Amino acid sequence: MSSNGFVRVAALSELEEDTPKRVEVDGVAVSIVAAEGEIFAINDICSHANVSLSEGEVEDCMIECWLHGSRFDLRTGKPSGLPATRPVPVYPVKIEGDDVLVSVTQES
């Protein structure tokens, strides 16, 4: 871990557009997604059914849970419709060279 709470989780070259990659950051399951020219980090567990979001599909900056079809905004974590009603956490991402770093700490 770096001094500012960010942890290296992947290389940019390892990420494919609209293809989630599951990583673990300080014991937290996180989906890393390259979409629309940005890199996003969202909690990997669906707030509705406790399944891995990284196994779902990404389209229009949304990640879809493969089990019941809940879709979550990669920018905010908010669901776009039922059955999920609660958002999932999103995390700050930093790019340093080819390294993707994520922080799951709540410090500002």
PDB file of N, CA and C in Angstrom:
ATOM      1  N   MET A   1       0.851  -1.181   0.000  1.00  0.00           N
ATOM      2  CA  MET A   1       0.000   0.000   0.000  1.00  0.00           C
ATOM      3  C   MET A   1       0.892   1.238   0.000  1.00  0.00           C
ATOM      4  N   SER A   2       0.483   2.222  -0.733  1.00  0.00           N
ATOM      5  CA  SER A   2       1.222   3.476  -0.734  1.00  0.00           C
ATOM      6  C   SER A   2       0.780   4.314   0.464  1.00  0.00           C
ATOM      7  N   SER A   3       1.510   5.362   0.742  1.00  0.00           N
ATOM      8  CA  SER A   3       1.240   6.180   1.922  1.00  0.00           C
ATOM      9  C   SER A   3      -0.102   6.893   1.867  1.00  0.00           C
ATOM     10  N   ASN A   4      -0.667   7.066   0.690  1.00  0.00           N
ATOM     11  CA  ASN A   4      -1.937   7.789   0.586  1.00  0.00           C
ATOM     12  C   ASN A   4      -3.159   6.868   0.541  1.00  0.00           C
ATOM     13  N   GLY A   5      -2.997   5.594   0.838  1.00  0.00           N
ATOM     14  CA  GLY A   5      -4.123   4.670   0.892  1.00  0.00           C
ATOM     15  C   GLY A   5      -4.461   3.999  -0.418  1.00  0.00           C
ATOM     16  N   PHE A   6      -3.751   4.313  -1.492  1.00  0.00           N
ATOM     17  CA  PHE A   6      -4.017   3.685  -2.788  1.00  0.00           C
ATOM     18  C   PHE A   6      -3.166   2.433  -2.951  1.00  0.00           C
ATOM     19  N   VAL A   7      -3.758   1.409  -3.546  1.00  0.00           N
ATOM     20  CA  VAL A   7      -3.101   0.125  -3.759  1.00  0.00           C
ATOM     21  C   VAL A   7      -3.096  -0.181  -5.256  1.00  0.00           C
ATOM     22  N   ARG A   8      -1.953  -0.662  -5.759  1.00  0.00           N
ATOM     23  CA  ARG A   8      -1.888  -1.067  -7.169  1.00  0.00           C
ATOM     24  C   ARG A   8      -2.700  -2.336  -7.353  1.00  0.00           C
ATOM     25  N   VAL A   9      -3.615  -2.323  -8.332  1.00  0.00           N
ATOM     26  CA  VAL A   9      -4.478  -3.481  -8.553  1.00  0.00           C
ATOM     27  C   VAL A   9      -4.293  -4.123  -9.920  1.00  0.00           C
ATOM     28  N   ALA A  10      -3.746  -3.369 -10.871  1.00  0.00           N
ATOM     29  CA  ALA A  10      -3.592  -3.898 -12.228  1.00  0.00           C
ATOM     30  C   ALA A  10      -2.750  -2.939 -13.048  1.00  0.00           C
ATOM     31  N   ALA A  11      -2.350  -3.418 -14.217  1.00  0.00           N
ATOM     32  CA  ALA A  11      -1.728  -2.553 -15.220  1.00  0.00           C
ATOM     33  C   ALA A  11      -2.818  -2.147 -16.208  1.00  0.00           C
ATOM     34  N   LEU A  12      -2.721  -0.940 -16.725  1.00  0.00           N
ATOM     35  CA  LEU A  12      -3.687  -0.500 -17.740  1.00  0.00           C
ATOM     36  C   LEU A  12      -3.755  -1.493 -18.892  1.00  0.00           C
ATOM     37  N   SER A  13      -2.607  -2.039 -19.251  1.00  0.00           N
ATOM     38  CA  SER A  13      -2.548  -2.972 -20.382  1.00  0.00           C
ATOM     39  C   SER A  13      -3.292  -4.281 -20.112  1.00  0.00           C
ATOM     40  N   GLU A  14      -3.613  -4.566 -18.855  1.00  0.00           N
ATOM     41  CA  GLU A  14      -4.354  -5.788 -18.509  1.00  0.00           C
ATOM     42  C   GLU A  14      -5.863  -5.620 -18.646  1.00  0.00           C
ATOM     43  N   LEU A  15      -6.318  -4.387 -18.783  1.00  0.00           N
ATOM     44  CA  LEU A  15      -7.755  -4.122 -18.811  1.00  0.00           C
ATOM     45  C   LEU A  15      -8.280  -4.044 -20.232  1.00  0.00           C
ATOM     46  N   GLU A  16      -9.397  -4.728 -20.467  1.00  0.00           N
ATOM     47  CA  GLU A  16     -10.068  -4.667 -21.762  1.00  0.00           C
ATOM     48  C   GLU A  16     -11.317  -3.800 -21.616  1.00  0.00           C
ATOM     49  N   GLU A  17     -11.597  -2.999 -22.619  1.00  0.00           N
ATOM     50  CA  GLU A  17     -12.760  -2.115 -22.597  1.00  0.00           C
ATOM     51  C   GLU A  17     -14.036  -2.907 -22.300  1.00  0.00           C
ATOM     52  N   ASP A  18     -14.829  -2.402 -21.349  1.00  0.00           N
ATOM     53  CA  ASP A  18     -16.123  -2.969 -20.975  1.00  0.00           C
ATOM     54  C   ASP A  18     -16.032  -4.409 -20.476  1.00  0.00           C
ATOM     55  N   THR A  19     -14.875  -4.811 -19.939  1.00  0.00           N
ATOM     56  CA  THR A  19     -14.697  -6.153 -19.384  1.00  0.00           C
ATOM     57  C   THR A  19     -14.238  -6.029 -17.933  1.00  0.00           C
ATOM     58  N   PRO A  20     -15.113  -6.327 -16.967  1.00  0.00           N
ATOM     59  CA  PRO A  20     -14.738  -6.191 -15.566  1.00  0.00           C
ATOM     60  C   PRO A  20     -13.611  -7.137 -15.175  1.00  0.00           C
ATOM     61  N   LYS A  21     -12.757  -6.667 -14.273  1.00  0.00           N
ATOM     62  CA  LYS A  21     -11.675  -7.484 -13.718  1.00  0.00           C
ATOM     63  C   LYS A  21     -11.823  -7.451 -12.204  1.00  0.00           C
ATOM     64  N   ARG A  22     -11.977  -8.620 -11.595  1.00  0.00           N
ATOM     65  CA  ARG A  22     -12.138  -8.693 -10.143  1.00  0.00           C
ATOM     66  C   ARG A  22     -10.765  -8.667  -9.486  1.00  0.00           C
ATOM     67  N   VAL A  23     -10.631  -7.799  -8.479  1.00  0.00           N
ATOM     68  CA  VAL A  23      -9.406  -7.709  -7.689  1.00  0.00           C
ATOM     69  C   VAL A  23      -9.811  -7.607  -6.225  1.00  0.00           C
ATOM     70  N   GLU A  24      -8.824  -7.761  -5.340  1.00  0.00           N
ATOM     71  CA  GLU A  24      -9.078  -7.570  -3.921  1.00  0.00           C
ATOM     72  C   GLU A  24      -8.186  -6.454  -3.421  1.00  0.00           C
ATOM     73  N   VAL A  25      -8.785  -5.512  -2.694  1.00  0.00           N
ATOM     74  CA  VAL A  25      -8.051  -4.375  -2.146  1.00  0.00           C
ATOM     75  C   VAL A  25      -8.329  -4.338  -0.645  1.00  0.00           C
ATOM     76  N   ASP A  26      -7.308  -4.587   0.147  1.00  0.00           N
ATOM     77  CA  ASP A  26      -7.462  -4.572   1.614  1.00  0.00           C
ATOM     78  C   ASP A  26      -8.647  -5.420   2.070  1.00  0.00           C
ATOM     79  N   GLY A  27      -8.815  -6.595   1.471  1.00  0.00           N
ATOM     80  CA  GLY A  27      -9.886  -7.503   1.859  1.00  0.00           C
ATOM     81  C   GLY A  27     -11.237  -7.207   1.248  1.00  0.00           C
ATOM     82  N   VAL A  28     -11.314  -6.204   0.379  1.00  0.00           N
ATOM     83  CA  VAL A  28     -12.582  -5.820  -0.264  1.00  0.00           C
ATOM     84  C   VAL A  28     -12.554  -6.269  -1.726  1.00  0.00           C
ATOM     85  N   ALA A  29     -13.598  -6.995  -2.153  1.00  0.00           N
ATOM     86  CA  ALA A  29     -13.715  -7.402  -3.556  1.00  0.00           C
ATOM     87  C   ALA A  29     -14.147  -6.200  -4.382  1.00  0.00           C
ATOM     88  N   VAL A  30     -13.380  -5.912  -5.438  1.00  0.00           N
ATOM     89  CA  VAL A  30     -13.613  -4.733  -6.270  1.00  0.00           C
ATOM     90  C   VAL A  30     -13.593  -5.145  -7.736  1.00  0.00           C
ATOM     91  N   SER A  31     -14.500  -4.580  -8.528  1.00  0.00           N
ATOM     92  CA  SER A  31     -14.476  -4.733  -9.986  1.00  0.00           C
ATOM     93  C   SER A  31     -13.809  -3.504 -10.573  1.00  0.00           C
ATOM     94  N   ILE A  32     -12.785  -3.722 -11.381  1.00  0.00           N
ATOM     95  CA  ILE A  32     -12.123  -2.649 -12.106  1.00  0.00           C
ATOM     96  C   ILE A  32     -12.638  -2.714 -13.537  1.00  0.00           C
ATOM     97  N   VAL A  33     -13.093  -1.573 -14.062  1.00  0.00           N
ATOM     98  CA  VAL A  33     -13.670  -1.557 -15.404  1.00  0.00           C
ATOM     99  C   VAL A  33     -13.129  -0.367 -16.197  1.00  0.00           C
ATOM    100  N   ALA A  34     -12.645  -0.655 -17.403  1.00  0.00           N
ATOM    101  CA  ALA A  34     -12.299   0.395 -18.355  1.00  0.00           C
ATOM    102  C   ALA A  34     -13.536   0.619 -19.221  1.00  0.00           C
ATOM    103  N   ALA A  35     -14.060   1.838 -19.175  1.00  0.00           N
ATOM    104  CA  ALA A  35     -15.275   2.148 -19.943  1.00  0.00           C
ATOM    105  C   ALA A  35     -15.279   3.618 -20.310  1.00  0.00           C
ATOM    106  N   GLU A  36     -15.638   3.908 -21.540  1.00  0.00           N
ATOM    107  CA  GLU A  36     -15.788   5.277 -22.027  1.00  0.00           C
ATOM    108  C   GLU A  36     -14.561   6.136 -21.739  1.00  0.00           C
ATOM    109  N   GLY A  37     -13.377   5.538 -21.903  1.00  0.00           N
ATOM    110  CA  GLY A  37     -12.135   6.275 -21.751  1.00  0.00           C
ATOM    111  C   GLY A  37     -11.694   6.511 -20.316  1.00  0.00           C
ATOM    112  N   GLU A  38     -12.368   5.915 -19.351  1.00  0.00           N
ATOM    113  CA  GLU A  38     -12.014   6.068 -17.943  1.00  0.00           C
ATOM    114  C   GLU A  38     -11.861   4.695 -17.295  1.00  0.00           C
ATOM    115  N   ILE A  39     -11.266   4.699 -16.097  1.00  0.00           N
ATOM    116  CA  ILE A  39     -11.155   3.483 -15.305  1.00  0.00           C
ATOM    117  C   ILE A  39     -12.010   3.676 -14.058  1.00  0.00           C
ATOM    118  N   PHE A  40     -12.866   2.705 -13.768  1.00  0.00           N
ATOM    119  CA  PHE A  40     -13.761   2.773 -12.626  1.00  0.00           C
ATOM    120  C   PHE A  40     -13.483   1.622 -11.668  1.00  0.00           C
ATOM    121  N   ALA A  41     -13.750   1.866 -10.385  1.00  0.00           N
ATOM    122  CA  ALA A  41     -13.650   0.822  -9.360  1.00  0.00           C
ATOM    123  C   ALA A  41     -14.961   0.822  -8.590  1.00  0.00           C
ATOM    124  N   ILE A  42     -15.630  -0.326  -8.591  1.00  0.00           N
ATOM    125  CA  ILE A  42     -16.926  -0.457  -7.932  1.00  0.00           C
ATOM    126  C   ILE A  42     -16.899  -1.736  -7.110  1.00  0.00           C
ATOM    127  N   ASN A  43     -17.573  -1.721  -5.972  1.00  0.00           N
ATOM    128  CA  ASN A  43     -17.622  -2.918  -5.151  1.00  0.00           C
ATOM    129  C   ASN A  43     -18.139  -4.074  -5.993  1.00  0.00           C
ATOM    130  N   ASP A  44     -17.524  -5.233  -5.838  1.00  0.00           N
ATOM    131  CA  ASP A  44     -17.828  -6.370  -6.714  1.00  0.00           C
ATOM    132  C   ASP A  44     -19.088  -7.130  -6.300  1.00  0.00           C
ATOM    133  N   ILE A  45     -19.693  -6.787  -5.190  1.00  0.00           N
ATOM    134  CA  ILE A  45     -20.830  -7.569  -4.705  1.00  0.00           C
ATOM    135  C   ILE A  45     -22.137  -6.810  -4.925  1.00  0.00           C
ATOM    136  N   CYS A  46     -23.057  -7.441  -5.645  1.00  0.00           N
ATOM    137  CA  CYS A  46     -24.369  -6.858  -5.917  1.00  0.00           C
ATOM    138  C   CYS A  46     -25.104  -6.608  -4.605  1.00  0.00           C
ATOM    139  N   SER A  47     -25.716  -5.439  -4.463  1.00  0.00           N
ATOM    140  CA  SER A  47     -26.437  -5.097  -3.235  1.00  0.00           C
ATOM    141  C   SER A  47     -27.762  -5.848  -3.112  1.00  0.00           C
ATOM    142  N   HIS A  48     -28.184  -6.498  -4.168  1.00  0.00           N
ATOM    143  CA  HIS A  48     -29.450  -7.230  -4.143  1.00  0.00           C
ATOM    144  C   HIS A  48     -29.253  -8.711  -3.860  1.00  0.00           C
ATOM    145  N   ALA A  49     -28.251  -9.339  -4.478  1.00  0.00           N
ATOM    146  CA  ALA A  49     -28.184 -10.796  -4.414  1.00  0.00           C
ATOM    147  C   ALA A  49     -26.830 -11.363  -3.993  1.00  0.00           C
ATOM    148  N   ASN A  50     -25.917 -10.558  -3.483  1.00  0.00           N
ATOM    149  CA  ASN A  50     -24.641 -11.039  -2.972  1.00  0.00           C
ATOM    150  C   ASN A  50     -23.896 -11.934  -3.961  1.00  0.00           C
ATOM    151  N   VAL A  51     -23.863 -11.523  -5.227  1.00  0.00           N
ATOM    152  CA  VAL A  51     -23.089 -12.229  -6.244  1.00  0.00           C
ATOM    153  C   VAL A  51     -22.096 -11.261  -6.877  1.00  0.00           C
ATOM    154  N   SER A  52     -21.103 -11.812  -7.560  1.00  0.00           N
ATOM    155  CA  SER A  52     -20.023 -11.016  -8.126  1.00  0.00           C
ATOM    156  C   SER A  52     -20.477 -10.232  -9.360  1.00  0.00           C
ATOM    157  N   LEU A  53     -20.351  -8.903  -9.281  1.00  0.00           N
ATOM    158  CA  LEU A  53     -20.698  -8.065 -10.430  1.00  0.00           C
ATOM    159  C   LEU A  53     -19.702  -8.227 -11.569  1.00  0.00           C
ATOM    160  N   SER A  54     -18.468  -8.603 -11.257  1.00  0.00           N
ATOM    161  CA  SER A  54     -17.456  -8.729 -12.311  1.00  0.00           C
ATOM    162  C   SER A  54     -17.766  -9.860 -13.284  1.00  0.00           C
ATOM    163  N   GLU A  55     -18.730 -10.700 -12.953  1.00  0.00           N
ATOM    164  CA  GLU A  55     -19.150 -11.758 -13.875  1.00  0.00           C
ATOM    165  C   GLU A  55     -20.235 -11.271 -14.828  1.00  0.00           C
ATOM    166  N   GLY A  56     -20.670 -10.022 -14.646  1.00  0.00           N
ATOM    167  CA  GLY A  56     -21.721  -9.465 -15.491  1.00  0.00           C
ATOM    168  C   GLY A  56     -21.156  -8.708 -16.677  1.00  0.00           C
ATOM    169  N   GLU A  57     -22.053  -8.056 -17.406  1.00  0.00           N
ATOM    170  CA  GLU A  57     -21.670  -7.322 -18.606  1.00  0.00           C
ATOM    171  C   GLU A  57     -21.684  -5.820 -18.346  1.00  0.00           C
ATOM    172  N   VAL A  58     -20.867  -5.105 -19.133  1.00  0.00           N
ATOM    173  CA  VAL A  58     -20.787  -3.649 -19.027  1.00  0.00           C
ATOM    174  C   VAL A  58     -21.254  -3.035 -20.339  1.00  0.00           C
ATOM    175  N   GLU A  59     -22.121  -2.017 -20.217  1.00  0.00           N
ATOM    176  CA  GLU A  59     -22.590  -1.289 -21.390  1.00  0.00           C
ATOM    177  C   GLU A  59     -23.047   0.089 -20.932  1.00  0.00           C
ATOM    178  N   ASP A  60     -22.704   1.120 -21.683  1.00  0.00           N
ATOM    179  CA  ASP A  60     -23.127   2.496 -21.386  1.00  0.00           C
ATOM    180  C   ASP A  60     -22.777   2.920 -19.960  1.00  0.00           C
ATOM    181  N   CYS A  61     -21.568   2.565 -19.511  1.00  0.00           N
ATOM    182  CA  CYS A  61     -21.062   2.949 -18.181  1.00  0.00           C
ATOM    183  C   CYS A  61     -21.907   2.345 -17.048  1.00  0.00           C
ATOM    184  N   MET A  62     -22.536   1.214 -17.335  1.00  0.00           N
ATOM    185  CA  MET A  62     -23.316   0.483 -16.340  1.00  0.00           C
ATOM    186  C   MET A  62     -22.802  -0.954 -16.290  1.00  0.00           C
ATOM    187  N   ILE A  63     -22.782  -1.531 -15.084  1.00  0.00           N
ATOM    188  CA  ILE A  63     -22.434  -2.939 -14.941  1.00  0.00           C
ATOM    189  C   ILE A  63     -23.697  -3.671 -14.524  1.00  0.00           C
ATOM    190  N   GLU A  64     -23.960  -4.808 -15.180  1.00  0.00           N
ATOM    191  CA  GLU A  64     -25.194  -5.553 -14.946  1.00  0.00           C
ATOM    192  C   GLU A  64     -24.896  -6.824 -14.167  1.00  0.00           C
ATOM    193  N   CYS A  65     -25.654  -7.048 -13.115  1.00  0.00           N
ATOM    194  CA  CYS A  65     -25.532  -8.288 -12.343  1.00  0.00           C
ATOM    195  C   CYS A  65     -26.092  -9.428 -13.196  1.00  0.00           C
ATOM    196  N   TRP A  66     -25.313 -10.468 -13.338  1.00  0.00           N
ATOM    197  CA  TRP A  66     -25.695 -11.591 -14.204  1.00  0.00           C
ATOM    198  C   TRP A  66     -26.874 -12.394 -13.654  1.00  0.00           C
ATOM    199  N   LEU A  67     -27.148 -12.309 -12.346  1.00  0.00           N
ATOM    200  CA  LEU A  67     -28.168 -13.175 -11.762  1.00  0.00           C
ATOM    201  C   LEU A  67     -29.592 -12.672 -11.985  1.00  0.00           C
ATOM    202  N   HIS A  68     -29.853 -11.407 -11.650  1.00  0.00           N
ATOM    203  CA  HIS A  68     -31.212 -10.872 -11.763  1.00  0.00           C
ATOM    204  C   HIS A  68     -31.315  -9.637 -12.654  1.00  0.00           C
ATOM    205  N   GLY A  69     -30.191  -9.188 -13.221  1.00  0.00           N
ATOM    206  CA  GLY A  69     -30.246  -8.092 -14.179  1.00  0.00           C
ATOM    207  C   GLY A  69     -30.197  -6.688 -13.608  1.00  0.00           C
ATOM    208  N   SER A  70     -29.916  -6.554 -12.308  1.00  0.00           N
ATOM    209  CA  SER A  70     -29.755  -5.201 -11.758  1.00  0.00           C
ATOM    210  C   SER A  70     -28.573  -4.532 -12.437  1.00  0.00           C
ATOM    211  N   ARG A  71     -28.718  -3.247 -12.743  1.00  0.00           N
ATOM    212  CA  ARG A  71     -27.638  -2.493 -13.385  1.00  0.00           C
ATOM    213  C   ARG A  71     -27.206  -1.360 -12.461  1.00  0.00           C
ATOM    214  N   PHE A  72     -25.885  -1.173 -12.349  1.00  0.00           N
ATOM    215  CA  PHE A  72     -25.327  -0.161 -11.466  1.00  0.00           C
ATOM    216  C   PHE A  72     -24.446   0.793 -12.265  1.00  0.00           C
ATOM    217  N   ASP A  73     -24.585   2.084 -11.992  1.00  0.00           N
ATOM    218  CA  ASP A  73     -23.777   3.105 -12.646  1.00  0.00           C
ATOM    219  C   ASP A  73     -22.347   3.004 -12.132  1.00  0.00           C
ATOM    220  N   LEU A  74     -21.386   2.871 -13.032  1.00  0.00           N
ATOM    221  CA  LEU A  74     -19.986   2.736 -12.633  1.00  0.00           C
ATOM    222  C   LEU A  74     -19.467   4.008 -11.962  1.00  0.00           C
ATOM    223  N   ARG A  75     -20.077   5.153 -12.247  1.00  0.00           N
ATOM    224  CA  ARG A  75     -19.616   6.426 -11.674  1.00  0.00           C
ATOM    225  C   ARG A  75     -20.128   6.638 -10.260  1.00  0.00           C
ATOM    226  N   THR A  76     -21.368   6.188  -9.980  1.00  0.00           N
ATOM    227  CA  THR A  76     -22.005   6.497  -8.695  1.00  0.00           C
ATOM    228  C   THR A  76     -22.339   5.263  -7.858  1.00  0.00           C
ATOM    229  N   GLY A  77     -22.424   4.103  -8.500  1.00  0.00           N
ATOM    230  CA  GLY A  77     -22.839   2.889  -7.795  1.00  0.00           C
ATOM    231  C   GLY A  77     -24.341   2.749  -7.654  1.00  0.00           C
ATOM    232  N   LYS A  78     -25.106   3.736  -8.119  1.00  0.00           N
ATOM    233  CA  LYS A  78     -26.556   3.700  -7.961  1.00  0.00           C
ATOM    234  C   LYS A  78     -27.190   2.717  -8.941  1.00  0.00           C
ATOM    235  N   PRO A  79     -28.201   1.973  -8.466  1.00  0.00           N
ATOM    236  CA  PRO A  79     -28.903   1.059  -9.367  1.00  0.00           C
ATOM    237  C   PRO A  79     -29.828   1.842 -10.291  1.00  0.00           C
ATOM    238  N   SER A  80     -30.021   1.327 -11.501  1.00  0.00           N
ATOM    239  CA  SER A  80     -30.888   2.010 -12.456  1.00  0.00           C
ATOM    240  C   SER A  80     -32.305   1.464 -12.445  1.00  0.00           C
ATOM    241  N   GLY A  81     -32.529   0.420 -11.689  1.00  0.00           N
ATOM    242  CA  GLY A  81     -33.871  -0.155 -11.620  1.00  0.00           C
ATOM    243  C   GLY A  81     -33.871  -1.423 -10.793  1.00  0.00           C
ATOM    244  N   LEU A  82     -35.035  -1.979 -10.625  1.00  0.00           N
ATOM    245  CA  LEU A  82     -35.213  -3.182  -9.811  1.00  0.00           C
ATOM    246  C   LEU A  82     -34.526  -4.383 -10.446  1.00  0.00           C
ATOM    247  N   PRO A  83     -34.183  -5.396  -9.683  1.00  0.00           N
ATOM    248  CA  PRO A  83     -34.597  -5.573  -8.298  1.00  0.00           C
ATOM    249  C   PRO A  83     -33.710  -4.858  -7.265  1.00  0.00           C
ATOM    250  N   ALA A  84     -32.530  -4.407  -7.611  1.00  0.00           N
ATOM    251  CA  ALA A  84     -31.681  -3.719  -6.632  1.00  0.00           C
ATOM    252  C   ALA A  84     -32.262  -2.349  -6.301  1.00  0.00           C
ATOM    253  N   THR A  85     -32.208  -1.984  -5.036  1.00  0.00           N
ATOM    254  CA  THR A  85     -32.675  -0.669  -4.607  1.00  0.00           C
ATOM    255  C   THR A  85     -31.571   0.108  -3.894  1.00  0.00           C
ATOM    256  N   ARG A  86     -30.505  -0.570  -3.463  1.00  0.00           N
ATOM    257  CA  ARG A  86     -29.407   0.090  -2.751  1.00  0.00           C
ATOM    258  C   ARG A  86     -28.185   0.201  -3.651  1.00  0.00           C
ATOM    259  N   PRO A  87     -27.482   1.322  -3.589  1.00  0.00           N
ATOM    260  CA  PRO A  87     -26.254   1.463  -4.377  1.00  0.00           C
ATOM    261  C   PRO A  87     -25.142   0.578  -3.824  1.00  0.00           C
ATOM    262  N   VAL A  88     -24.133   0.357  -4.643  1.00  0.00           N
ATOM    263  CA  VAL A  88     -22.918  -0.319  -4.184  1.00  0.00           C
ATOM    264  C   VAL A  88     -21.810   0.735  -4.141  1.00  0.00           C
ATOM    265  N   PRO A  89     -20.857   0.576  -3.234  1.00  0.00           N
ATOM    266  CA  PRO A  89     -19.793   1.582  -3.127  1.00  0.00           C
ATOM    267  C   PRO A  89     -18.935   1.670  -4.390  1.00  0.00           C
ATOM    268  N   VAL A  90     -18.510   2.878  -4.698  1.00  0.00           N
ATOM    269  CA  VAL A  90     -17.511   3.111  -5.738  1.00  0.00           C
ATOM    270  C   VAL A  90     -16.274   3.684  -5.056  1.00  0.00           C
ATOM    271  N   TYR A  91     -15.127   3.501  -5.676  1.00  0.00           N
ATOM    272  CA  TYR A  91     -13.870   3.869  -5.048  1.00  0.00           C
ATOM    273  C   TYR A  91     -13.034   4.751  -5.973  1.00  0.00           C
ATOM    274  N   PRO A  92     -12.218   5.636  -5.379  1.00  0.00           N
ATOM    275  CA  PRO A  92     -11.348   6.484  -6.204  1.00  0.00           C
ATOM    276  C   PRO A  92     -10.255   5.673  -6.890  1.00  0.00           C
ATOM    277  N   VAL A  93      -9.953   6.074  -8.120  1.00  0.00           N
ATOM    278  CA  VAL A  93      -8.923   5.421  -8.936  1.00  0.00           C
ATOM    279  C   VAL A  93      -7.876   6.459  -9.310  1.00  0.00           C
ATOM    280  N   LYS A  94      -6.613   6.047  -9.289  1.00  0.00           N
ATOM    281  CA  LYS A  94      -5.516   6.890  -9.775  1.00  0.00           C
ATOM    282  C   LYS A  94      -4.720   6.079 -10.785  1.00  0.00           C
ATOM    283  N   ILE A  95      -4.234   6.749 -11.797  1.00  0.00           N
ATOM    284  CA  ILE A  95      -3.376   6.125 -12.792  1.00  0.00           C
ATOM    285  C   ILE A  95      -1.987   6.720 -12.626  1.00  0.00           C
ATOM    286  N   GLU A  96      -1.000   5.861 -12.446  1.00  0.00           N
ATOM    287  CA  GLU A  96       0.391   6.303 -12.358  1.00  0.00           C
ATOM    288  C   GLU A  96       1.186   5.481 -13.360  1.00  0.00           C
ATOM    289  N   GLY A  97       1.520   6.112 -14.483  1.00  0.00           N
ATOM    290  CA  GLY A  97       2.173   5.368 -15.558  1.00  0.00           C
ATOM    291  C   GLY A  97       1.211   4.338 -16.107  1.00  0.00           C
ATOM    292  N   ASP A  98       1.603   3.043 -16.050  1.00  0.00           N
ATOM    293  CA  ASP A  98       0.729   1.952 -16.502  1.00  0.00           C
ATOM    294  C   ASP A  98      -0.003   1.313 -15.326  1.00  0.00           C
ATOM    295  N   ASP A  99       0.189   1.837 -14.119  1.00  0.00           N
ATOM    296  CA  ASP A  99      -0.411   1.231 -12.925  1.00  0.00           C
ATOM    297  C   ASP A  99      -1.770   1.834 -12.612  1.00  0.00           C
ATOM    298  N   VAL A 100      -2.719   0.947 -12.283  1.00  0.00           N
ATOM    299  CA  VAL A 100      -4.041   1.356 -11.817  1.00  0.00           C
ATOM    300  C   VAL A 100      -4.047   1.180 -10.304  1.00  0.00           C
ATOM    301  N   LEU A 101      -4.328   2.245  -9.587  1.00  0.00           N
ATOM    302  CA  LEU A 101      -4.361   2.215  -8.134  1.00  0.00           C
ATOM    303  C   LEU A 101      -5.765   2.559  -7.637  1.00  0.00           C
ATOM    304  N   VAL A 102      -6.183   1.867  -6.562  1.00  0.00           N
ATOM    305  CA  VAL A 102      -7.515   2.058  -6.006  1.00  0.00           C
ATOM    306  C   VAL A 102      -7.386   2.230  -4.496  1.00  0.00           C
ATOM    307  N   SER A 103      -8.247   3.068  -3.937  1.00  0.00           N
ATOM    308  CA  SER A 103      -8.322   3.215  -2.484  1.00  0.00           C
ATOM    309  C   SER A 103      -9.711   2.829  -2.014  1.00  0.00           C
ATOM    310  N   VAL A 104      -9.786   1.950  -1.016  1.00  0.00           N
ATOM    311  CA  VAL A 104     -11.084   1.574  -0.448  1.00  0.00           C
ATOM    312  C   VAL A 104     -11.277   2.202   0.930  1.00  0.00           C
ATOM    313  N   THR A 105     -10.347   3.036   1.352  1.00  0.00           N
ATOM    314  CA  THR A 105     -10.482   3.714   2.633  1.00  0.00           C
ATOM    315  C   THR A 105     -11.467   4.860   2.496  1.00  0.00           C
ATOM    316  N   GLN A 106     -12.135   5.204   3.581  1.00  0.00           N
ATOM    317  CA  GLN A 106     -13.129   6.270   3.547  1.00  0.00           C
ATOM    318  C   GLN A 106     -12.554   7.625   3.939  1.00  0.00           C
ATOM    319  N   GLU A 107     -11.242   7.683   4.104  1.00  0.00           N
ATOM    320  CA  GLU A 107     -10.597   8.954   4.477  1.00  0.00           C
ATOM    321  C   GLU A 107     -10.604   9.908   3.278  1.00  0.00           C
ATOM    322  N   SER A 108     -10.645  11.203   3.579  1.00  0.00           N
ATOM    323  CA  SER A 108     -10.622  12.176   2.489  1.00  0.00           C
ATOM    324  C   SER A 108      -9.329  12.952   2.477  1.00  0.00           C
TER     325      SER A 108
END
